[in-house]
Structures are given as structure tokens and as C-alpha cells.
Amino acid sequence: MIEVARVHIVGKDESALKAFVDIKVADAVLIKGIRVIAKKDGGLFAAMPSHLAGDGKYYDTVKFLSAAVNKELQEVVLAAYQA
């Protein structure tokens, strides 16, 4: 269902931001700007595109409603980044 369309490595070793990833969902939707970010305690996670709202908080622009699809997103994006 989720396929990586592009990986753009941007981060230096000391930067938390490592890459931007674009994905295709079911060959019907392209989501651009998923960020690969290093966790403070080690490891990586994929963060969905977000925007800054008037209240000073960031909110995801795209959100998958299923925990299973969120897990698939993390696995597919991180595997493509590490390849």
C-alpha cells in the first residue's frame, strides 16, 4: 500500500533532521515532506508533514487513522532511509 517515491538525505551527523521522504499511497496519493528525525535517546522516526498554527503549536497536515498503517509508514520510510 505504501511505497517510497523519493528519499532526500539532508542531515549532518549532529542534526536531528536526517532526510525528507516522499511516499505514494495505493498508487493514488503522493505525500511529500515526511521527515526522518533522530530521537534523543537513539533511533529514528518518521514525522508527517506539519504546519504551525496560530496557537504556536505544530499540527500534522496528513494523518493516517489506522495504527497498522502508521506502523507500515514507519517501517517503509525508515527502511528506505537506511538502504
PDB file of N, CA and C in Angstrom:
ATOM      1  N   MET A   1       0.814  -1.194   0.000  1.00  0.00           N
ATOM      2  CA  MET A   1       0.000   0.000   0.000  1.00  0.00           C
ATOM      3  C   MET A   1       0.861   1.263   0.000  1.00  0.00           C
ATOM      4  N   ILE A   2       1.928   1.304   0.813  1.00  0.00           N
ATOM      5  CA  ILE A   2       2.802   2.474   0.872  1.00  0.00           C
ATOM      6  C   ILE A   2       4.104   2.154   0.163  1.00  0.00           C
ATOM      7  N   GLU A   3       4.506   3.040  -0.732  1.00  0.00           N
ATOM      8  CA  GLU A   3       5.737   2.878  -1.498  1.00  0.00           C
ATOM      9  C   GLU A   3       6.519   4.186  -1.457  1.00  0.00           C
ATOM     10  N   VAL A   4       7.818   4.100  -1.248  1.00  0.00           N
ATOM     11  CA  VAL A   4       8.651   5.300  -1.217  1.00  0.00           C
ATOM     12  C   VAL A   4       8.908   5.769  -2.644  1.00  0.00           C
ATOM     13  N   ALA A   5       8.647   7.050  -2.901  1.00  0.00           N
ATOM     14  CA  ALA A   5       8.875   7.636  -4.215  1.00  0.00           C
ATOM     15  C   ALA A   5      10.242   8.312  -4.290  1.00  0.00           C
ATOM     16  N   ARG A   6      10.708   8.901  -3.160  1.00  0.00           N
ATOM     17  CA  ARG A   6      11.978   9.632  -3.170  1.00  0.00           C
ATOM     18  C   ARG A   6      12.492   9.769  -1.743  1.00  0.00           C
ATOM     19  N   VAL A   7      13.821   9.665  -1.595  1.00  0.00           N
ATOM     20  CA  VAL A   7      14.488   9.941  -0.323  1.00  0.00           C
ATOM     21  C   VAL A   7      15.534  11.001  -0.589  1.00  0.00           C
ATOM     22  N   HIS A   8      15.483  12.092   0.173  1.00  0.00           N
ATOM     23  CA  HIS A   8      16.461  13.176   0.029  1.00  0.00           C
ATOM     24  C   HIS A   8      17.170  13.344   1.375  1.00  0.00           C
ATOM     25  N   ILE A   9      18.427  12.899   1.430  1.00  0.00           N
ATOM     26  CA  ILE A   9      19.221  12.989   2.661  1.00  0.00           C
ATOM     27  C   ILE A   9      19.648  14.440   2.857  1.00  0.00           C
ATOM     28  N   VAL A  10      19.401  14.992   4.050  1.00  0.00           N
ATOM     29  CA  VAL A  10      19.761  16.394   4.310  1.00  0.00           C
ATOM     30  C   VAL A  10      20.591  16.582   5.566  1.00  0.00           C
ATOM     31  N   GLY A  11      20.475  15.705   6.523  1.00  0.00           N
ATOM     32  CA  GLY A  11      21.062  15.945   7.840  1.00  0.00           C
ATOM     33  C   GLY A  11      22.546  15.646   7.919  1.00  0.00           C
ATOM     34  N   LYS A  12      23.216  16.449   8.702  1.00  0.00           N
ATOM     35  CA  LYS A  12      24.592  16.167   9.062  1.00  0.00           C
ATOM     36  C   LYS A  12      24.547  15.295  10.307  1.00  0.00           C
ATOM     37  N   ASP A  13      25.675  14.751  10.714  1.00  0.00           N
ATOM     38  CA  ASP A  13      25.706  13.842  11.863  1.00  0.00           C
ATOM     39  C   ASP A  13      25.106  14.459  13.117  1.00  0.00           C
ATOM     40  N   GLU A  14      25.344  15.747  13.368  1.00  0.00           N
ATOM     41  CA  GLU A  14      24.852  16.373  14.595  1.00  0.00           C
ATOM     42  C   GLU A  14      23.420  16.899  14.472  1.00  0.00           C
ATOM     43  N   SER A  15      22.852  16.875  13.287  1.00  0.00           N
ATOM     44  CA  SER A  15      21.495  17.373  13.072  1.00  0.00           C
ATOM     45  C   SER A  15      20.462  16.285  13.379  1.00  0.00           C
ATOM     46  N   ALA A  16      19.358  16.673  14.017  1.00  0.00           N
ATOM     47  CA  ALA A  16      18.284  15.718  14.284  1.00  0.00           C
ATOM     48  C   ALA A  16      17.534  15.363  13.005  1.00  0.00           C
ATOM     49  N   LEU A  17      17.393  16.309  12.084  1.00  0.00           N
ATOM     50  CA  LEU A  17      16.724  16.057  10.806  1.00  0.00           C
ATOM     51  C   LEU A  17      17.690  15.332   9.876  1.00  0.00           C
ATOM     52  N   LYS A  18      17.291  14.152   9.435  1.00  0.00           N
ATOM     53  CA  LYS A  18      18.167  13.322   8.613  1.00  0.00           C
ATOM     54  C   LYS A  18      17.784  13.316   7.137  1.00  0.00           C
ATOM     55  N   ALA A  19      16.474  13.357   6.838  1.00  0.00           N
ATOM     56  CA  ALA A  19      16.052  13.242   5.440  1.00  0.00           C
ATOM     57  C   ALA A  19      14.597  13.682   5.286  1.00  0.00           C
ATOM     58  N   PHE A  20      14.252  13.970   4.027  1.00  0.00           N
ATOM     59  CA  PHE A  20      12.861  14.153   3.624  1.00  0.00           C
ATOM     60  C   PHE A  20      12.510  12.983   2.717  1.00  0.00           C
ATOM     61  N   VAL A  21      11.310  12.443   2.893  1.00  0.00           N
ATOM     62  CA  VAL A  21      10.876  11.294   2.110  1.00  0.00           C
ATOM     63  C   VAL A  21       9.498  11.594   1.528  1.00  0.00           C
ATOM     64  N   ASP A  22       9.315  11.238   0.264  1.00  0.00           N
ATOM     65  CA  ASP A  22       8.009  11.325  -0.384  1.00  0.00           C
ATOM     66  C   ASP A  22       7.500   9.899  -0.566  1.00  0.00           C
ATOM     67  N   ILE A  23       6.208   9.683  -0.311  1.00  0.00           N
ATOM     68  CA  ILE A  23       5.635   8.344  -0.454  1.00  0.00           C
ATOM     69  C   ILE A  23       4.407   8.378  -1.361  1.00  0.00           C
ATOM     70  N   LYS A  24       4.135   7.209  -1.960  1.00  0.00           N
ATOM     71  CA  LYS A  24       2.898   7.005  -2.704  1.00  0.00           C
ATOM     72  C   LYS A  24       2.033   6.059  -1.892  1.00  0.00           C
ATOM     73  N   VAL A  25       0.756   6.381  -1.774  1.00  0.00           N
ATOM     74  CA  VAL A  25      -0.190   5.536  -1.057  1.00  0.00           C
ATOM     75  C   VAL A  25      -1.162   4.956  -2.073  1.00  0.00           C
ATOM     76  N   ALA A  26      -1.147   3.631  -2.193  1.00  0.00           N
ATOM     77  CA  ALA A  26      -2.052   2.893  -3.080  1.00  0.00           C
ATOM     78  C   ALA A  26      -2.008   3.412  -4.520  1.00  0.00           C
ATOM     79  N   ASP A  27      -0.845   3.889  -4.949  1.00  0.00           N
ATOM     80  CA  ASP A  27      -0.687   4.442  -6.305  1.00  0.00           C
ATOM     81  C   ASP A  27      -1.734   5.495  -6.629  1.00  0.00           C
ATOM     82  N   ALA A  28      -2.253   6.170  -5.598  1.00  0.00           N
ATOM     83  CA  ALA A  28      -3.302   7.162  -5.824  1.00  0.00           C
ATOM     84  C   ALA A  28      -2.980   8.521  -5.206  1.00  0.00           C
ATOM     85  N   VAL A  29      -2.146   8.538  -4.165  1.00  0.00           N
ATOM     86  CA  VAL A  29      -1.859   9.779  -3.444  1.00  0.00           C
ATOM     87  C   VAL A  29      -0.351   9.888  -3.239  1.00  0.00           C
ATOM     88  N   LEU A  30       0.208  11.070  -3.473  1.00  0.00           N
ATOM     89  CA  LEU A  30       1.611  11.350  -3.203  1.00  0.00           C
ATOM     90  C   LEU A  30       1.679  12.278  -2.000  1.00  0.00           C
ATOM     91  N   ILE A  31       2.406  11.859  -0.967  1.00  0.00           N
ATOM     92  CA  ILE A  31       2.606  12.694   0.221  1.00  0.00           C
ATOM     93  C   ILE A  31       4.069  13.093   0.243  1.00  0.00           C
ATOM     94  N   LYS A  32       4.321  14.390   0.194  1.00  0.00           N
ATOM     95  CA  LYS A  32       5.675  14.923   0.142  1.00  0.00           C
ATOM     96  C   LYS A  32       6.055  15.514   1.496  1.00  0.00           C
ATOM     97  N   GLY A  33       7.324  15.397   1.834  1.00  0.00           N
ATOM     98  CA  GLY A  33       7.840  16.085   3.004  1.00  0.00           C
ATOM     99  C   GLY A  33       7.758  15.347   4.320  1.00  0.00           C
ATOM    100  N   ILE A  34       7.705  14.025   4.291  1.00  0.00           N
ATOM    101  CA  ILE A  34       7.799  13.269   5.539  1.00  0.00           C
ATOM    102  C   ILE A  34       9.246  13.390   6.012  1.00  0.00           C
ATOM    103  N   ARG A  35       9.431  13.703   7.288  1.00  0.00           N
ATOM    104  CA  ARG A  35      10.779  13.923   7.815  1.00  0.00           C
ATOM    105  C   ARG A  35      11.263  12.699   8.585  1.00  0.00           C
ATOM    106  N   VAL A  36      12.520  12.323   8.359  1.00  0.00           N
ATOM    107  CA  VAL A  36      13.176  11.304   9.170  1.00  0.00           C
ATOM    108  C   VAL A  36      13.976  12.058  10.215  1.00  0.00           C
ATOM    109  N   ILE A  37      13.670  11.787  11.492  1.00  0.00           N
ATOM    110  CA  ILE A  37      14.263  12.537  12.595  1.00  0.00           C
ATOM    111  C   ILE A  37      14.898  11.564  13.575  1.00  0.00           C
ATOM    112  N   ALA A  38      16.081  11.950  14.079  1.00  0.00           N
ATOM    113  CA  ALA A  38      16.760  11.153  15.103  1.00  0.00           C
ATOM    114  C   ALA A  38      16.160  11.465  16.466  1.00  0.00           C
ATOM    115  N   LYS A  39      15.874  10.411  17.227  1.00  0.00           N
ATOM    116  CA  LYS A  39      15.375  10.578  18.594  1.00  0.00           C
ATOM    117  C   LYS A  39      16.545  10.933  19.517  1.00  0.00           C
ATOM    118  N   LYS A  40      16.269  11.625  20.596  1.00  0.00           N
ATOM    119  CA  LYS A  40      17.310  11.994  21.560  1.00  0.00           C
ATOM    120  C   LYS A  40      17.935  10.769  22.209  1.00  0.00           C
ATOM    121  N   ASP A  41      17.139   9.730  22.426  1.00  0.00           N
ATOM    122  CA  ASP A  41      17.646   8.519  23.076  1.00  0.00           C
ATOM    123  C   ASP A  41      18.151   7.479  22.076  1.00  0.00           C
ATOM    124  N   GLY A  42      18.325   7.877  20.820  1.00  0.00           N
ATOM    125  CA  GLY A  42      18.769   6.965  19.772  1.00  0.00           C
ATOM    126  C   GLY A  42      17.602   6.471  18.948  1.00  0.00           C
ATOM    127  N   GLY A  43      17.874   5.967  17.782  1.00  0.00           N
ATOM    128  CA  GLY A  43      16.825   5.503  16.893  1.00  0.00           C
ATOM    129  C   GLY A  43      16.293   6.625  16.019  1.00  0.00           C
ATOM    130  N   LEU A  44      15.396   6.269  15.144  1.00  0.00           N
ATOM    131  CA  LEU A  44      14.816   7.201  14.183  1.00  0.00           C
ATOM    132  C   LEU A  44      13.302   7.074  14.181  1.00  0.00           C
ATOM    133  N   PHE A  45      12.620   8.115  13.715  1.00  0.00           N
ATOM    134  CA  PHE A  45      11.184   8.010  13.472  1.00  0.00           C
ATOM    135  C   PHE A  45      10.824   8.887  12.285  1.00  0.00           C
ATOM    136  N   ALA A  46       9.701   8.559  11.665  1.00  0.00           N
ATOM    137  CA  ALA A  46       9.194   9.324  10.522  1.00  0.00           C
ATOM    138  C   ALA A  46       8.088  10.251  11.026  1.00  0.00           C
ATOM    139  N   ALA A  47       8.218  11.538  10.718  1.00  0.00           N
ATOM    140  CA  ALA A  47       7.230  12.539  11.139  1.00  0.00           C
ATOM    141  C   ALA A  47       6.491  13.049   9.912  1.00  0.00           C
ATOM    142  N   MET A  48       5.175  13.073  10.006  1.00  0.00           N
ATOM    143  CA  MET A  48       4.354  13.536   8.898  1.00  0.00           C
ATOM    144  C   MET A  48       4.542  15.043   8.684  1.00  0.00           C
ATOM    145  N   PRO A  49       4.249  15.526   7.472  1.00  0.00           N
ATOM    146  CA  PRO A  49       4.307  16.973   7.239  1.00  0.00           C
ATOM    147  C   PRO A  49       3.388  17.692   8.224  1.00  0.00           C
ATOM    148  N   SER A  50       3.805  18.874   8.673  1.00  0.00           N
ATOM    149  CA  SER A  50       3.014  19.603   9.657  1.00  0.00           C
ATOM    150  C   SER A  50       3.034  21.093   9.345  1.00  0.00           C
ATOM    151  N   HIS A  51       2.170  21.824  10.031  1.00  0.00           N
ATOM    152  CA  HIS A  51       2.115  23.279   9.862  1.00  0.00           C
ATOM    153  C   HIS A  51       1.997  23.941  11.236  1.00  0.00           C
ATOM    154  N   LEU A  52       2.486  25.156  11.321  1.00  0.00           N
ATOM    155  CA  LEU A  52       2.417  25.931  12.552  1.00  0.00           C
ATOM    156  C   LEU A  52       1.092  26.674  12.590  1.00  0.00           C
ATOM    157  N   ALA A  53       0.321  26.435  13.629  1.00  0.00           N
ATOM    158  CA  ALA A  53      -0.994  27.077  13.774  1.00  0.00           C
ATOM    159  C   ALA A  53      -0.854  28.378  14.563  1.00  0.00           C
ATOM    160  N   GLY A  54      -1.923  29.105  14.617  1.00  0.00           N
ATOM    161  CA  GLY A  54      -1.953  30.380  15.313  1.00  0.00           C
ATOM    162  C   GLY A  54      -1.693  30.275  16.806  1.00  0.00           C
ATOM    163  N   ASP A  55      -1.865  29.097  17.371  1.00  0.00           N
ATOM    164  CA  ASP A  55      -1.627  28.917  18.801  1.00  0.00           C
ATOM    165  C   ASP A  55      -0.175  28.565  19.122  1.00  0.00           C
ATOM    166  N   GLY A  56       0.688  28.590  18.093  1.00  0.00           N
ATOM    167  CA  GLY A  56       2.106  28.313  18.290  1.00  0.00           C
ATOM    168  C   GLY A  56       2.469  26.844  18.320  1.00  0.00           C
ATOM    169  N   LYS A  57       1.514  25.960  18.055  1.00  0.00           N
ATOM    170  CA  LYS A  57       1.758  24.524  18.046  1.00  0.00           C
ATOM    171  C   LYS A  57       1.796  24.013  16.607  1.00  0.00           C
ATOM    172  N   TYR A  58       2.513  22.894  16.422  1.00  0.00           N
ATOM    173  CA  TYR A  58       2.565  22.242  15.118  1.00  0.00           C
ATOM    174  C   TYR A  58       1.519  21.130  15.073  1.00  0.00           C
ATOM    175  N   TYR A  59       0.817  21.042  13.946  1.00  0.00           N
ATOM    176  CA  TYR A  59      -0.194  20.009  13.736  1.00  0.00           C
ATOM    177  C   TYR A  59       0.100  19.287  12.422  1.00  0.00           C
ATOM    178  N   ASP A  60      -0.068  17.941  12.432  1.00  0.00           N
ATOM    179  CA  ASP A  60       0.146  17.164  11.209  1.00  0.00           C
ATOM    180  C   ASP A  60      -0.813  17.618  10.121  1.00  0.00           C
ATOM    181  N   THR A  61      -0.286  17.743   8.908  1.00  0.00           N
ATOM    182  CA  THR A  61      -1.098  18.088   7.751  1.00  0.00           C
ATOM    183  C   THR A  61      -1.811  16.849   7.217  1.00  0.00           C
ATOM    184  N   VAL A  62      -1.151  15.703   7.350  1.00  0.00           N
ATOM    185  CA  VAL A  62      -1.695  14.423   6.902  1.00  0.00           C
ATOM    186  C   VAL A  62      -1.658  13.477   8.088  1.00  0.00           C
ATOM    187  N   LYS A  63      -2.718  12.709   8.269  1.00  0.00           N
ATOM    188  CA  LYS A  63      -2.758  11.759   9.386  1.00  0.00           C
ATOM    189  C   LYS A  63      -3.422  10.474   8.922  1.00  0.00           C
ATOM    190  N   PHE A  64      -2.724   9.356   9.140  1.00  0.00           N
ATOM    191  CA  PHE A  64      -3.326   8.053   8.890  1.00  0.00           C
ATOM    192  C   PHE A  64      -4.158   7.679  10.109  1.00  0.00           C
ATOM    193  N   LEU A  65      -5.340   7.154   9.908  1.00  0.00           N
ATOM    194  CA  LEU A  65      -6.259   6.881  11.003  1.00  0.00           C
ATOM    195  C   LEU A  65      -6.089   5.486  11.596  1.00  0.00           C
ATOM    196  N   SER A  66      -5.333   4.649  10.955  1.00  0.00           N
ATOM    197  CA  SER A  66      -5.143   3.273  11.407  1.00  0.00           C
ATOM    198  C   SER A  66      -3.749   3.099  12.016  1.00  0.00           C
ATOM    199  N   ALA A  67      -3.677   2.464  13.179  1.00  0.00           N
ATOM    200  CA  ALA A  67      -2.384   2.186  13.813  1.00  0.00           C
ATOM    201  C   ALA A  67      -1.540   1.262  12.939  1.00  0.00           C
ATOM    202  N   ALA A  68      -2.182   0.334  12.247  1.00  0.00           N
ATOM    203  CA  ALA A  68      -1.460  -0.596  11.374  1.00  0.00           C
ATOM    204  C   ALA A  68      -0.807   0.146  10.210  1.00  0.00           C
ATOM    205  N   VAL A  69      -1.508   1.115   9.642  1.00  0.00           N
ATOM    206  CA  VAL A  69      -0.950   1.887   8.529  1.00  0.00           C
ATOM    207  C   VAL A  69       0.160   2.804   9.038  1.00  0.00           C
ATOM    208  N   ASN A  70       0.002   3.367  10.221  1.00  0.00           N
ATOM    209  CA  ASN A  70       1.070   4.175  10.807  1.00  0.00           C
ATOM    210  C   ASN A  70       2.330   3.339  11.008  1.00  0.00           C
ATOM    211  N   LYS A  71       2.173   2.115  11.475  1.00  0.00           N
ATOM    212  CA  LYS A  71       3.314   1.217  11.666  1.00  0.00           C
ATOM    213  C   LYS A  71       3.973   0.908  10.323  1.00  0.00           C
ATOM    214  N   GLU A  72       3.162   0.633   9.298  1.00  0.00           N
ATOM    215  CA  GLU A  72       3.700   0.366   7.966  1.00  0.00           C
ATOM    216  C   GLU A  72       4.472   1.572   7.450  1.00  0.00           C
ATOM    217  N   LEU A  73       3.938   2.776   7.663  1.00  0.00           N
ATOM    218  CA  LEU A  73       4.623   4.003   7.248  1.00  0.00           C
ATOM    219  C   LEU A  73       6.006   4.085   7.890  1.00  0.00           C
ATOM    220  N   GLN A  74       6.080   3.886   9.200  1.00  0.00           N
ATOM    221  CA  GLN A  74       7.364   3.949   9.903  1.00  0.00           C
ATOM    222  C   GLN A  74       8.348   2.928   9.317  1.00  0.00           C
ATOM    223  N   GLU A  75       7.897   1.703   9.130  1.00  0.00           N
ATOM    224  CA  GLU A  75       8.769   0.641   8.631  1.00  0.00           C
ATOM    225  C   GLU A  75       9.265   0.918   7.219  1.00  0.00           C
ATOM    226  N   VAL A  76       8.365   1.310   6.334  1.00  0.00           N
ATOM    227  CA  VAL A  76       8.721   1.535   4.931  1.00  0.00           C
ATOM    228  C   VAL A  76       9.657   2.739   4.791  1.00  0.00           C
ATOM    229  N   VAL A  77       9.336   3.832   5.454  1.00  0.00           N
ATOM    230  CA  VAL A  77      10.151   5.050   5.342  1.00  0.00           C
ATOM    231  C   VAL A  77      11.539   4.833   5.938  1.00  0.00           C
ATOM    232  N   LEU A  78      11.612   4.245   7.115  1.00  0.00           N
ATOM    233  CA  LEU A  78      12.916   4.057   7.760  1.00  0.00           C
ATOM    234  C   LEU A  78      13.768   3.047   7.011  1.00  0.00           C
ATOM    235  N   ALA A  79      13.159   2.015   6.446  1.00  0.00           N
ATOM    236  CA  ALA A  79      13.910   1.037   5.644  1.00  0.00           C
ATOM    237  C   ALA A  79      14.495   1.702   4.400  1.00  0.00           C
ATOM    238  N   ALA A  80      13.725   2.561   3.757  1.00  0.00           N
ATOM    239  CA  ALA A  80      14.217   3.269   2.562  1.00  0.00           C
ATOM    240  C   ALA A  80      15.351   4.226   2.936  1.00  0.00           C
ATOM    241  N   TYR A  81      15.232   4.896   4.062  1.00  0.00           N
ATOM    242  CA  TYR A  81      16.284   5.819   4.506  1.00  0.00           C
ATOM    243  C   TYR A  81      17.578   5.062   4.803  1.00  0.00           C
ATOM    244  N   GLN A  82      17.469   3.910   5.435  1.00  0.00           N
ATOM    245  CA  GLN A  82      18.656   3.163   5.842  1.00  0.00           C
ATOM    246  C   GLN A  82      19.263   2.339   4.710  1.00  0.00           C
ATOM    247  N   ALA A  83      18.571   2.225   3.590  1.00  0.00           N
ATOM    248  CA  ALA A  83      19.076   1.433   2.455  1.00  0.00           C
ATOM    249  C   ALA A  83      20.215   2.134   1.732  1.00  0.00           C
TER     250      ALA A  83
END
